[in-house]
Amino acid sequence: MSEVEIHAVETELDPPFLVSGAQTQTAPYVFNSPHSGMVYPRSFIEASRLTHRALRKSEDAYVNELFGDVTALGAVLMQAHFPRAYLDVNREPYELDPVLIQGKMPDYANTHSVRVIGGLGTIARMVNDQEEIYREPMQLEAALTRIRLLYDPYHAALSEALQQTQRQFGFSCLIDCHSMPSQPHGSGYQPKVDFVLGDRHGTSCAQTMVRFVEATLKAWGFTVALNKPYAGGYITERYGRPKLGAHALQIEINRALYMDENSLVKRGSFEVIRAKLTLLAQRLIQNADEILLQVRRAAE
């Protein structure tokens, strides 16, 4: 099975992700879109009991496009080409699901996390907490191959982008970009907000930056929630180290703002939302000195 995974990556996912703007970076921001990948390997679709459309339900469709202009502002943009249903880089590297994956799990595997139990580990078993993805269990070797060929290089590249940013500016700001369903399945929570900002409950990002983003969005008439129901995932937790000058903020965008959630077709409002997010990035960059001066003071 590992040969199938290797073939899929080498022929259909080459390159598996894209980092743009690193050579022209003039701002201490790295924007990351880990869940907007739209390249579904043929072997993956064949192994799935779901249709291509059903698999796309977990995709943060078009988020990479919504933030696509940030490189022209001097920031870095990283985006996955592979979908989160195939491999989720916003998980620990080895959140492995024993219900899905056959074989003796390595000692370092986390098989009991809340995400694994819900079928949403590094290799997802479920889409939207409702639908099983695979026809048959997966061999452990195949899962480890995906992690080696996709997960490890992705995080190595993201780490390098953030480290280079910190070397150049003395600090780094990661904006982790996601979208959320307007009515999430099984959560019991019906968000009536346009954006959710996640900073791991105040631990991954300077509050001056969180308040700046919140105030900017609200001034434009958007509704904003903090940390509920999305406080930030593994990426925010791993890379957010405010005391070390590394800040990470997750932004969740209500999909109904810019797309039809059933057909996955962009709404007429897409360009409006894209322009607002570009302006948000521009204002973050323009006010970086003021924001980060407060960040430095808070750290002292």
C-alpha atoms as a PDB file:
ATOM      1  CA  MET A   1       0.000   0.000   0.000  1.00  0.00           C
ATOM      2  CA  SER A   2       2.864   2.424   0.627  1.00  0.00           C
ATOM      3  CA  GLU A   3       3.717   2.218  -3.100  1.00  0.00           C
ATOM      4  CA  VAL A   4       0.226   3.524  -3.882  1.00  0.00           C
ATOM      5  CA  GLU A   5       0.733   6.454  -1.520  1.00  0.00           C
ATOM      6  CA  ILE A   6       4.164   7.237  -2.940  1.00  0.00           C
ATOM      7  CA  HIS A   7       2.803   7.158  -6.483  1.00  0.00           C
ATOM      8  CA  ALA A   8      -0.091   9.459  -5.561  1.00  0.00           C
ATOM      9  CA  VAL A   9       2.199  12.039  -3.980  1.00  0.00           C
ATOM     10  CA  GLU A  10       4.801  11.921  -6.739  1.00  0.00           C
ATOM     11  CA  THR A  11       2.352  12.071  -9.655  1.00  0.00           C
ATOM     12  CA  GLU A  12      -0.674  13.981  -8.371  1.00  0.00           C
ATOM     13  CA  LEU A  13       0.618  16.022  -5.430  1.00  0.00           C
ATOM     14  CA  ASP A  14       3.788  17.507  -6.845  1.00  0.00           C
ATOM     15  CA  PRO A  15       4.234  19.924  -5.202  1.00  0.00           C
ATOM     16  CA  PRO A  16       2.108  19.008  -2.174  1.00  0.00           C
ATOM     17  CA  PHE A  17       2.089  22.594  -0.915  1.00  0.00           C
ATOM     18  CA  LEU A  18       3.161  26.078  -1.915  1.00  0.00           C
ATOM     19  CA  VAL A  19       5.012  28.794  -0.010  1.00  0.00           C
ATOM     20  CA  SER A  20       4.704  32.201  -1.665  1.00  0.00           C
ATOM     21  CA  GLY A  21       6.251  35.548  -0.846  1.00  0.00           C
ATOM     22  CA  ALA A  22       9.282  34.372   1.111  1.00  0.00           C
ATOM     23  CA  GLN A  23      11.720  36.036  -1.299  1.00  0.00           C
ATOM     24  CA  THR A  24       9.926  39.388  -1.175  1.00  0.00           C
ATOM     25  CA  GLN A  25       8.871  39.376   2.481  1.00  0.00           C
ATOM     26  CA  THR A  26       8.775  42.815   4.097  1.00  0.00           C
ATOM     27  CA  ALA A  27       6.283  42.130   6.907  1.00  0.00           C
ATOM     28  CA  PRO A  28       6.500  39.846   9.968  1.00  0.00           C
ATOM     29  CA  TYR A  29       3.402  37.862   8.992  1.00  0.00           C
ATOM     30  CA  VAL A  30       2.986  34.321   7.709  1.00  0.00           C
ATOM     31  CA  PHE A  31      -0.517  33.381   6.571  1.00  0.00           C
ATOM     32  CA  ASN A  32      -1.235  29.655   6.458  1.00  0.00           C
ATOM     33  CA  SER A  33      -4.122  27.823   4.756  1.00  0.00           C
ATOM     34  CA  PRO A  34      -3.697  24.145   5.693  1.00  0.00           C
ATOM     35  CA  HIS A  35      -7.191  22.910   4.808  1.00  0.00           C
ATOM     36  CA  SER A  36      -7.944  24.464   1.410  1.00  0.00           C
ATOM     37  CA  GLY A  37      -6.251  21.757  -0.668  1.00  0.00           C
ATOM     38  CA  MET A  38      -8.357  20.535  -3.586  1.00  0.00           C
ATOM     39  CA  VAL A  39      -6.191  17.809  -5.167  1.00  0.00           C
ATOM     40  CA  TYR A  40      -7.806  14.476  -4.295  1.00  0.00           C
ATOM     41  CA  PRO A  41      -5.580  11.568  -5.398  1.00  0.00           C
ATOM     42  CA  ARG A  42      -7.346   9.089  -7.639  1.00  0.00           C
ATOM     43  CA  SER A  43      -6.412   6.165  -5.384  1.00  0.00           C
ATOM     44  CA  PHE A  44      -7.911   7.987  -2.398  1.00  0.00           C
ATOM     45  CA  ILE A  45     -11.232   8.541  -4.155  1.00  0.00           C
ATOM     46  CA  GLU A  46     -11.276   4.888  -5.238  1.00  0.00           C
ATOM     47  CA  ALA A  47     -10.652   3.754  -1.660  1.00  0.00           C
ATOM     48  CA  SER A  48     -13.448   5.952  -0.346  1.00  0.00           C
ATOM     49  CA  ARG A  49     -17.084   4.991  -0.025  1.00  0.00           C
ATOM     50  CA  LEU A  50     -18.008   8.641  -0.542  1.00  0.00           C
ATOM     51  CA  THR A  51     -18.362  10.766  -3.626  1.00  0.00           C
ATOM     52  CA  HIS A  52     -15.870  13.466  -4.465  1.00  0.00           C
ATOM     53  CA  ARG A  53     -18.468  16.079  -3.472  1.00  0.00           C
ATOM     54  CA  ALA A  54     -19.055  14.429  -0.108  1.00  0.00           C
ATOM     55  CA  LEU A  55     -15.325  14.299   0.592  1.00  0.00           C
ATOM     56  CA  ARG A  56     -15.108  18.030  -0.030  1.00  0.00           C
ATOM     57  CA  LYS A  57     -17.467  18.782   2.877  1.00  0.00           C
ATOM     58  CA  SER A  58     -14.505  19.041   5.240  1.00  0.00           C
ATOM     59  CA  GLU A  59     -12.518  21.289   2.916  1.00  0.00           C
ATOM     60  CA  ASP A  60     -11.882  24.952   3.736  1.00  0.00           C
ATOM     61  CA  ALA A  61     -12.766  25.733   0.160  1.00  0.00           C
ATOM     62  CA  TYR A  62     -11.235  28.876  -1.366  1.00  0.00           C
ATOM     63  CA  VAL A  63      -9.664  30.126   1.877  1.00  0.00           C
ATOM     64  CA  ASN A  64      -6.301  30.244   0.127  1.00  0.00           C
ATOM     65  CA  GLU A  65      -7.884  32.538  -2.471  1.00  0.00           C
ATOM     66  CA  LEU A  66      -9.497  34.748   0.153  1.00  0.00           C
ATOM     67  CA  PHE A  67      -6.025  35.486   1.531  1.00  0.00           C
ATOM     68  CA  GLY A  68      -4.299  35.271  -1.837  1.00  0.00           C
ATOM     69  CA  ASP A  69      -3.309  38.952  -1.999  1.00  0.00           C
ATOM     70  CA  VAL A  70      -1.252  39.018   1.203  1.00  0.00           C
ATOM     71  CA  THR A  71       1.986  38.296  -0.649  1.00  0.00           C
ATOM     72  CA  ALA A  72       1.585  41.576  -2.563  1.00  0.00           C
ATOM     73  CA  LEU A  73       1.561  43.275   0.849  1.00  0.00           C
ATOM     74  CA  GLY A  74       4.894  41.733   1.847  1.00  0.00           C
ATOM     75  CA  ALA A  75       3.631  38.760   3.841  1.00  0.00           C
ATOM     76  CA  VAL A  76       4.221  35.032   3.264  1.00  0.00           C
ATOM     77  CA  LEU A  77       1.371  32.714   2.273  1.00  0.00           C
ATOM     78  CA  MET A  78       1.550  28.946   2.692  1.00  0.00           C
ATOM     79  CA  GLN A  79      -1.147  26.636   1.352  1.00  0.00           C
ATOM     80  CA  ALA A  80      -1.647  22.881   1.125  1.00  0.00           C
ATOM     81  CA  HIS A  81      -2.587  21.264  -2.184  1.00  0.00           C
ATOM     82  CA  PHE A  82      -3.670  17.990  -0.551  1.00  0.00           C
ATOM     83  CA  PRO A  83      -7.061  17.963   1.229  1.00  0.00           C
ATOM     84  CA  ARG A  84      -7.499  17.560   4.963  1.00  0.00           C
ATOM     85  CA  ALA A  85      -9.609  14.434   4.340  1.00  0.00           C
ATOM     86  CA  TYR A  86      -6.436  12.839   2.956  1.00  0.00           C
ATOM     87  CA  LEU A  87      -4.056  14.144   5.612  1.00  0.00           C
ATOM     88  CA  ASP A  88      -4.609  16.778   8.289  1.00  0.00           C
ATOM     89  CA  VAL A  89      -1.556  18.843   9.226  1.00  0.00           C
ATOM     90  CA  ASN A  90      -3.560  20.593  11.962  1.00  0.00           C
ATOM     91  CA  ARG A  91      -3.201  17.510  14.127  1.00  0.00           C
ATOM     92  CA  GLU A  92      -0.335  16.007  16.057  1.00  0.00           C
ATOM     93  CA  PRO A  93       1.845  14.028  13.642  1.00  0.00           C
ATOM     94  CA  TYR A  94       0.682  10.657  14.952  1.00  0.00           C
ATOM     95  CA  GLU A  95      -2.918  11.017  16.091  1.00  0.00           C
ATOM     96  CA  LEU A  96      -3.683   7.601  14.633  1.00  0.00           C
ATOM     97  CA  ASP A  97      -7.120   6.019  14.697  1.00  0.00           C
ATOM     98  CA  PRO A  98      -7.042   2.291  15.617  1.00  0.00           C
ATOM     99  CA  VAL A  99     -10.570   1.901  14.216  1.00  0.00           C
ATOM    100  CA  LEU A 100      -9.292   2.914  10.784  1.00  0.00           C
ATOM    101  CA  ILE A 101      -5.655   1.832  10.766  1.00  0.00           C
ATOM    102  CA  GLN A 102      -4.620  -1.815  10.905  1.00  0.00           C
ATOM    103  CA  GLY A 103      -1.339  -2.894  12.435  1.00  0.00           C
ATOM    104  CA  LYS A 104       0.484  -2.596  15.732  1.00  0.00           C
ATOM    105  CA  MET A 105       0.587   1.062  16.603  1.00  0.00           C
ATOM    106  CA  PRO A 106       3.987   2.558  17.407  1.00  0.00           C
ATOM    107  CA  ASP A 107       4.523   3.589  21.023  1.00  0.00           C
ATOM    108  CA  TYR A 108       4.601   7.264  20.052  1.00  0.00           C
ATOM    109  CA  ALA A 109       1.130   7.199  18.479  1.00  0.00           C
ATOM    110  CA  ASN A 110      -1.664   9.096  20.209  1.00  0.00           C
ATOM    111  CA  THR A 111      -4.664   6.805  19.751  1.00  0.00           C
ATOM    112  CA  HIS A 112      -6.931   8.260  22.429  1.00  0.00           C
ATOM    113  CA  SER A 113      -7.192  11.973  21.743  1.00  0.00           C
ATOM    114  CA  VAL A 114     -10.627  13.550  21.515  1.00  0.00           C
ATOM    115  CA  ARG A 115     -10.021  14.143  17.812  1.00  0.00           C
ATOM    116  CA  VAL A 116      -9.098  10.517  17.156  1.00  0.00           C
ATOM    117  CA  ILE A 117     -12.136   9.274  19.056  1.00  0.00           C
ATOM    118  CA  GLY A 118     -14.268  11.544  16.880  1.00  0.00           C
ATOM    119  CA  GLY A 119     -12.755  10.073  13.735  1.00  0.00           C
ATOM    120  CA  LEU A 120     -10.739  13.211  12.978  1.00  0.00           C
ATOM    121  CA  GLY A 121      -7.146  12.187  13.557  1.00  0.00           C
ATOM    122  CA  THR A 122      -4.124  12.902  11.390  1.00  0.00           C
ATOM    123  CA  ILE A 123      -5.670  10.493   8.876  1.00  0.00           C
ATOM    124  CA  ALA A 124      -9.387  11.240   9.176  1.00  0.00           C
ATOM    125  CA  ARG A 125     -11.867   8.379   9.349  1.00  0.00           C
ATOM    126  CA  MET A 126     -14.940  10.596   9.145  1.00  0.00           C
ATOM    127  CA  VAL A 127     -16.204  13.604   7.227  1.00  0.00           C
ATOM    128  CA  ASN A 128     -18.266  16.043   9.267  1.00  0.00           C
ATOM    129  CA  ASP A 129     -18.513  13.612  12.212  1.00  0.00           C
ATOM    130  CA  GLN A 130     -21.128  11.685  10.253  1.00  0.00           C
ATOM    131  CA  GLU A 131     -19.845   9.827   7.225  1.00  0.00           C
ATOM    132  CA  GLU A 132     -17.182   7.118   7.146  1.00  0.00           C
ATOM    133  CA  ILE A 133     -14.595   7.865   4.453  1.00  0.00           C
ATOM    134  CA  TYR A 134     -13.051   4.465   3.684  1.00  0.00           C
ATOM    135  CA  ARG A 135     -14.478   1.232   2.341  1.00  0.00           C
ATOM    136  CA  GLU A 136     -11.840  -0.832   4.165  1.00  0.00           C
ATOM    137  CA  PRO A 137      -9.301  -0.290   6.950  1.00  0.00           C
ATOM    138  CA  MET A 138      -5.957   1.257   6.058  1.00  0.00           C
ATOM    139  CA  GLN A 139      -2.599  -0.400   6.607  1.00  0.00           C
ATOM    140  CA  LEU A 140      -0.324   1.324   9.117  1.00  0.00           C
ATOM    141  CA  GLU A 141       2.490   1.517   6.562  1.00  0.00           C
ATOM    142  CA  ALA A 142       0.293   3.528   4.208  1.00  0.00           C
ATOM    143  CA  ALA A 143      -0.637   5.991   6.963  1.00  0.00           C
ATOM    144  CA  LEU A 144       2.992   6.454   7.992  1.00  0.00           C
ATOM    145  CA  THR A 145       3.938   7.020   4.355  1.00  0.00           C
ATOM    146  CA  ARG A 146       1.463   9.897   4.058  1.00  0.00           C
ATOM    147  CA  ILE A 147       2.852  11.420   7.217  1.00  0.00           C
ATOM    148  CA  ARG A 148       6.439  11.088   6.020  1.00  0.00           C
ATOM    149  CA  LEU A 149       5.806  12.465   2.527  1.00  0.00           C
ATOM    150  CA  LEU A 150       3.310  15.210   3.347  1.00  0.00           C
ATOM    151  CA  TYR A 151       3.001  16.054   7.039  1.00  0.00           C
ATOM    152  CA  ASP A 152       6.698  16.202   7.875  1.00  0.00           C
ATOM    153  CA  PRO A 153       7.710  18.363   4.873  1.00  0.00           C
ATOM    154  CA  TYR A 154       4.753  20.688   5.428  1.00  0.00           C
ATOM    155  CA  HIS A 155       5.658  21.415   9.025  1.00  0.00           C
ATOM    156  CA  ALA A 156       9.339  21.686   8.166  1.00  0.00           C
ATOM    157  CA  ALA A 157       8.499  24.377   5.592  1.00  0.00           C
ATOM    158  CA  LEU A 158       6.125  26.212   7.932  1.00  0.00           C
ATOM    159  CA  SER A 159       8.698  26.121  10.722  1.00  0.00           C
ATOM    160  CA  GLU A 160      11.355  27.496   8.384  1.00  0.00           C
ATOM    161  CA  ALA A 161       9.075  30.315   7.211  1.00  0.00           C
ATOM    162  CA  LEU A 162       8.378  31.335  10.801  1.00  0.00           C
ATOM    163  CA  GLN A 163      12.004  31.024  11.882  1.00  0.00           C
ATOM    164  CA  GLN A 164      13.137  33.111   8.920  1.00  0.00           C
ATOM    165  CA  THR A 165      10.513  35.713   9.807  1.00  0.00           C
ATOM    166  CA  GLN A 166      11.764  35.816  13.385  1.00  0.00           C
ATOM    167  CA  ARG A 167      15.371  36.128  12.225  1.00  0.00           C
ATOM    168  CA  GLN A 168      14.461  39.000   9.926  1.00  0.00           C
ATOM    169  CA  PHE A 169      12.122  40.958  12.211  1.00  0.00           C
ATOM    170  CA  GLY A 170      12.852  39.710  15.715  1.00  0.00           C
ATOM    171  CA  PHE A 171       9.370  38.188  16.039  1.00  0.00           C
ATOM    172  CA  SER A 172       6.842  36.298  13.932  1.00  0.00           C
ATOM    173  CA  CYS A 173       3.066  36.391  13.544  1.00  0.00           C
ATOM    174  CA  LEU A 174       1.263  33.351  12.160  1.00  0.00           C
ATOM    175  CA  ILE A 175      -2.300  33.823  10.942  1.00  0.00           C
ATOM    176  CA  ASP A 176      -3.810  30.353  10.560  1.00  0.00           C
ATOM    177  CA  CYS A 177      -6.679  30.643   8.097  1.00  0.00           C
ATOM    178  CA  HIS A 178      -9.756  28.413   8.196  1.00  0.00           C
ATOM    179  CA  SER A 179     -13.451  28.322   7.386  1.00  0.00           C
ATOM    180  CA  MET A 180     -16.330  26.981   9.424  1.00  0.00           C
ATOM    181  CA  PRO A 181     -19.728  25.583   8.424  1.00  0.00           C
ATOM    182  CA  SER A 182     -22.607  27.888   9.241  1.00  0.00           C
ATOM    183  CA  GLN A 183     -24.266  24.969  11.031  1.00  0.00           C
ATOM    184  CA  PRO A 184     -21.617  22.526  12.297  1.00  0.00           C
ATOM    185  CA  HIS A 185     -22.703  18.919  12.588  1.00  0.00           C
ATOM    186  CA  GLY A 186     -23.010  17.375  16.009  1.00  0.00           C
ATOM    187  CA  SER A 187     -21.559  20.291  17.947  1.00  0.00           C
ATOM    188  CA  GLY A 188     -24.818  21.414  19.524  1.00  0.00           C
ATOM    189  CA  TYR A 189     -23.668  24.958  18.845  1.00  0.00           C
ATOM    190  CA  GLN A 190     -25.126  27.039  16.061  1.00  0.00           C
ATOM    191  CA  PRO A 191     -22.762  29.916  15.384  1.00  0.00           C
ATOM    192  CA  LYS A 192     -24.447  33.161  14.511  1.00  0.00           C
ATOM    193  CA  VAL A 193     -21.126  34.865  14.023  1.00  0.00           C
ATOM    194  CA  ASP A 194     -19.145  35.686  10.933  1.00  0.00           C
ATOM    195  CA  PHE A 195     -15.684  35.085  12.391  1.00  0.00           C
ATOM    196  CA  VAL A 196     -14.218  33.127  15.286  1.00  0.00           C
ATOM    197  CA  LEU A 197     -10.763  34.098  16.520  1.00  0.00           C
ATOM    198  CA  GLY A 198      -8.796  31.400  18.328  1.00  0.00           C
ATOM    199  CA  ASP A 199      -5.767  32.075  20.488  1.00  0.00           C
ATOM    200  CA  ARG A 200      -5.854  28.955  22.663  1.00  0.00           C
ATOM    201  CA  HIS A 201      -7.624  30.971  25.349  1.00  0.00           C
ATOM    202  CA  GLY A 202      -5.020  33.695  25.520  1.00  0.00           C
ATOM    203  CA  THR A 203      -1.913  31.504  25.319  1.00  0.00           C
ATOM    204  CA  SER A 204      -0.836  31.551  21.652  1.00  0.00           C
ATOM    205  CA  CYS A 205      -0.935  35.221  20.694  1.00  0.00           C
ATOM    206  CA  ALA A 206      -0.492  38.667  22.200  1.00  0.00           C
ATOM    207  CA  GLN A 207      -3.855  40.088  23.216  1.00  0.00           C
ATOM    208  CA  THR A 208      -3.063  43.365  21.480  1.00  0.00           C
ATOM    209  CA  MET A 209      -3.167  41.557  18.155  1.00  0.00           C
ATOM    210  CA  VAL A 210      -6.347  39.653  18.973  1.00  0.00           C
ATOM    211  CA  ARG A 211      -8.105  42.845  20.021  1.00  0.00           C
ATOM    212  CA  PHE A 212      -6.901  44.649  16.890  1.00  0.00           C
ATOM    213  CA  VAL A 213      -8.330  41.972  14.576  1.00  0.00           C
ATOM    214  CA  GLU A 214     -11.560  41.765  16.566  1.00  0.00           C
ATOM    215  CA  ALA A 215     -12.062  45.540  16.563  1.00  0.00           C
ATOM    216  CA  THR A 216     -11.312  45.836  12.854  1.00  0.00           C
ATOM    217  CA  LEU A 217     -13.814  43.148  11.874  1.00  0.00           C
ATOM    218  CA  LYS A 218     -16.508  44.527  14.169  1.00  0.00           C
ATOM    219  CA  ALA A 219     -16.007  48.034  12.782  1.00  0.00           C
ATOM    220  CA  TRP A 220     -16.951  46.620   9.375  1.00  0.00           C
ATOM    221  CA  GLY A 221     -20.187  45.207  10.767  1.00  0.00           C
ATOM    222  CA  PHE A 222     -19.106  41.583  11.193  1.00  0.00           C
ATOM    223  CA  THR A 223     -19.941  39.579  14.287  1.00  0.00           C
ATOM    224  CA  VAL A 224     -16.946  38.028  16.047  1.00  0.00           C
ATOM    225  CA  ALA A 225     -16.523  35.386  18.758  1.00  0.00           C
ATOM    226  CA  LEU A 226     -13.397  34.486  20.706  1.00  0.00           C
ATOM    227  CA  ASN A 227     -12.342  30.854  21.144  1.00  0.00           C
ATOM    228  CA  LYS A 228     -15.876  29.441  20.935  1.00  0.00           C
ATOM    229  CA  PRO A 229     -16.341  26.980  19.409  1.00  0.00           C
ATOM    230  CA  TYR A 230     -12.847  27.077  17.838  1.00  0.00           C
ATOM    231  CA  ALA A 231      -9.961  27.976  20.123  1.00  0.00           C
ATOM    232  CA  GLY A 232      -7.245  27.002  17.656  1.00  0.00           C
ATOM    233  CA  GLY A 233      -5.859  23.615  16.691  1.00  0.00           C
ATOM    234  CA  TYR A 234      -2.492  21.936  16.774  1.00  0.00           C
ATOM    235  CA  ILE A 235      -0.833  24.523  14.530  1.00  0.00           C
ATOM    236  CA  THR A 236      -1.864  27.423  16.762  1.00  0.00           C
ATOM    237  CA  GLU A 237      -0.804  25.486  19.841  1.00  0.00           C
ATOM    238  CA  ARG A 238       2.528  24.376  18.399  1.00  0.00           C
ATOM    239  CA  TYR A 239       3.700  27.658  16.904  1.00  0.00           C
ATOM    240  CA  GLY A 240       2.188  30.162  19.310  1.00  0.00           C
ATOM    241  CA  ARG A 241       4.903  31.063  21.825  1.00  0.00           C
ATOM    242  CA  PRO A 242       4.291  34.724  22.711  1.00  0.00           C
ATOM    243  CA  LYS A 243       7.003  34.853  25.370  1.00  0.00           C
ATOM    244  CA  LEU A 244       9.493  33.818  22.677  1.00  0.00           C
ATOM    245  CA  GLY A 245       8.216  36.385  20.178  1.00  0.00           C
ATOM    246  CA  ALA A 246       6.208  33.845  18.159  1.00  0.00           C
ATOM    247  CA  HIS A 247       2.501  34.658  17.895  1.00  0.00           C
ATOM    248  CA  ALA A 248      -0.210  32.479  16.341  1.00  0.00           C
ATOM    249  CA  LEU A 249      -3.829  33.440  15.781  1.00  0.00           C
ATOM    250  CA  GLN A 250      -6.462  31.249  14.128  1.00  0.00           C
ATOM    251  CA  ILE A 251      -9.189  32.880  12.042  1.00  0.00           C
ATOM    252  CA  GLU A 252     -12.352  30.947  11.178  1.00  0.00           C
ATOM    253  CA  ILE A 253     -14.613  32.421   8.499  1.00  0.00           C
ATOM    254  CA  ASN A 254     -18.274  31.483   8.222  1.00  0.00           C
ATOM    255  CA  ARG A 255     -18.537  29.779   4.820  1.00  0.00           C
ATOM    256  CA  ALA A 256     -22.001  31.181   4.199  1.00  0.00           C
ATOM    257  CA  LEU A 257     -20.403  34.618   3.865  1.00  0.00           C
ATOM    258  CA  TYR A 258     -18.731  33.737   0.587  1.00  0.00           C
ATOM    259  CA  MET A 259     -19.966  30.399  -0.792  1.00  0.00           C
ATOM    260  CA  ASP A 260     -22.955  28.118  -1.144  1.00  0.00           C
ATOM    261  CA  GLU A 261     -22.192  25.316   1.279  1.00  0.00           C
ATOM    262  CA  ASN A 262     -24.140  22.691  -0.643  1.00  0.00           C
ATOM    263  CA  SER A 263     -22.901  23.361  -4.165  1.00  0.00           C
ATOM    264  CA  LEU A 264     -19.487  24.718  -3.059  1.00  0.00           C
ATOM    265  CA  VAL A 265     -19.947  27.536  -5.559  1.00  0.00           C
ATOM    266  CA  LYS A 266     -18.658  31.001  -4.693  1.00  0.00           C
ATOM    267  CA  ARG A 267     -21.301  33.592  -3.909  1.00  0.00           C
ATOM    268  CA  GLY A 268     -21.350  37.031  -5.461  1.00  0.00           C
ATOM    269  CA  SER A 269     -20.035  38.281  -2.100  1.00  0.00           C
ATOM    270  CA  PHE A 270     -16.784  36.350  -2.492  1.00  0.00           C
ATOM    271  CA  GLU A 271     -14.797  39.291  -3.822  1.00  0.00           C
ATOM    272  CA  VAL A 272     -16.191  41.558  -1.106  1.00  0.00           C
ATOM    273  CA  ILE A 273     -14.965  39.204   1.629  1.00  0.00           C
ATOM    274  CA  ARG A 274     -11.655  38.758  -0.148  1.00  0.00           C
ATOM    275  CA  ALA A 275     -11.189  42.540  -0.315  1.00  0.00           C
ATOM    276  CA  LYS A 276     -12.007  42.889   3.394  1.00  0.00           C
ATOM    277  CA  LEU A 277      -9.510  40.205   4.374  1.00  0.00           C
ATOM    278  CA  THR A 278      -6.851  41.820   2.202  1.00  0.00           C
ATOM    279  CA  LEU A 279      -7.572  45.125   3.929  1.00  0.00           C
ATOM    280  CA  LEU A 280      -7.374  43.405   7.323  1.00  0.00           C
ATOM    281  CA  ALA A 281      -3.939  42.047   6.402  1.00  0.00           C
ATOM    282  CA  GLN A 282      -2.885  45.469   5.149  1.00  0.00           C
ATOM    283  CA  ARG A 283      -3.919  47.125   8.403  1.00  0.00           C
ATOM    284  CA  LEU A 284      -2.148  44.468  10.465  1.00  0.00           C
ATOM    285  CA  ILE A 285       1.007  45.170   8.502  1.00  0.00           C
ATOM    286  CA  GLN A 286       0.641  48.951   8.578  1.00  0.00           C
ATOM    287  CA  ASN A 287       0.070  48.901  12.339  1.00  0.00           C
ATOM    288  CA  ALA A 288       2.653  46.227  13.093  1.00  0.00           C
ATOM    289  CA  ASP A 289       4.976  48.651  14.875  1.00  0.00           C
ATOM    290  CA  GLU A 290       2.243  49.875  17.205  1.00  0.00           C
ATOM    291  CA  ILE A 291       0.833  46.404  17.834  1.00  0.00           C
ATOM    292  CA  LEU A 292       4.195  44.790  18.379  1.00  0.00           C
ATOM    293  CA  LEU A 293       5.535  47.627  20.503  1.00  0.00           C
ATOM    294  CA  GLN A 294       2.771  46.733  22.934  1.00  0.00           C
ATOM    295  CA  VAL A 295       3.676  43.065  22.466  1.00  0.00           C
ATOM    296  CA  ARG A 296       7.282  43.778  23.439  1.00  0.00           C
ATOM    297  CA  ARG A 297       6.205  45.800  26.467  1.00  0.00           C
ATOM    298  CA  ALA A 298       3.918  42.975  27.572  1.00  0.00           C
ATOM    299  CA  ALA A 299       6.807  40.532  27.332  1.00  0.00           C
ATOM    300  CA  GLU A 300       9.162  42.680  29.408  1.00  0.00           C
END
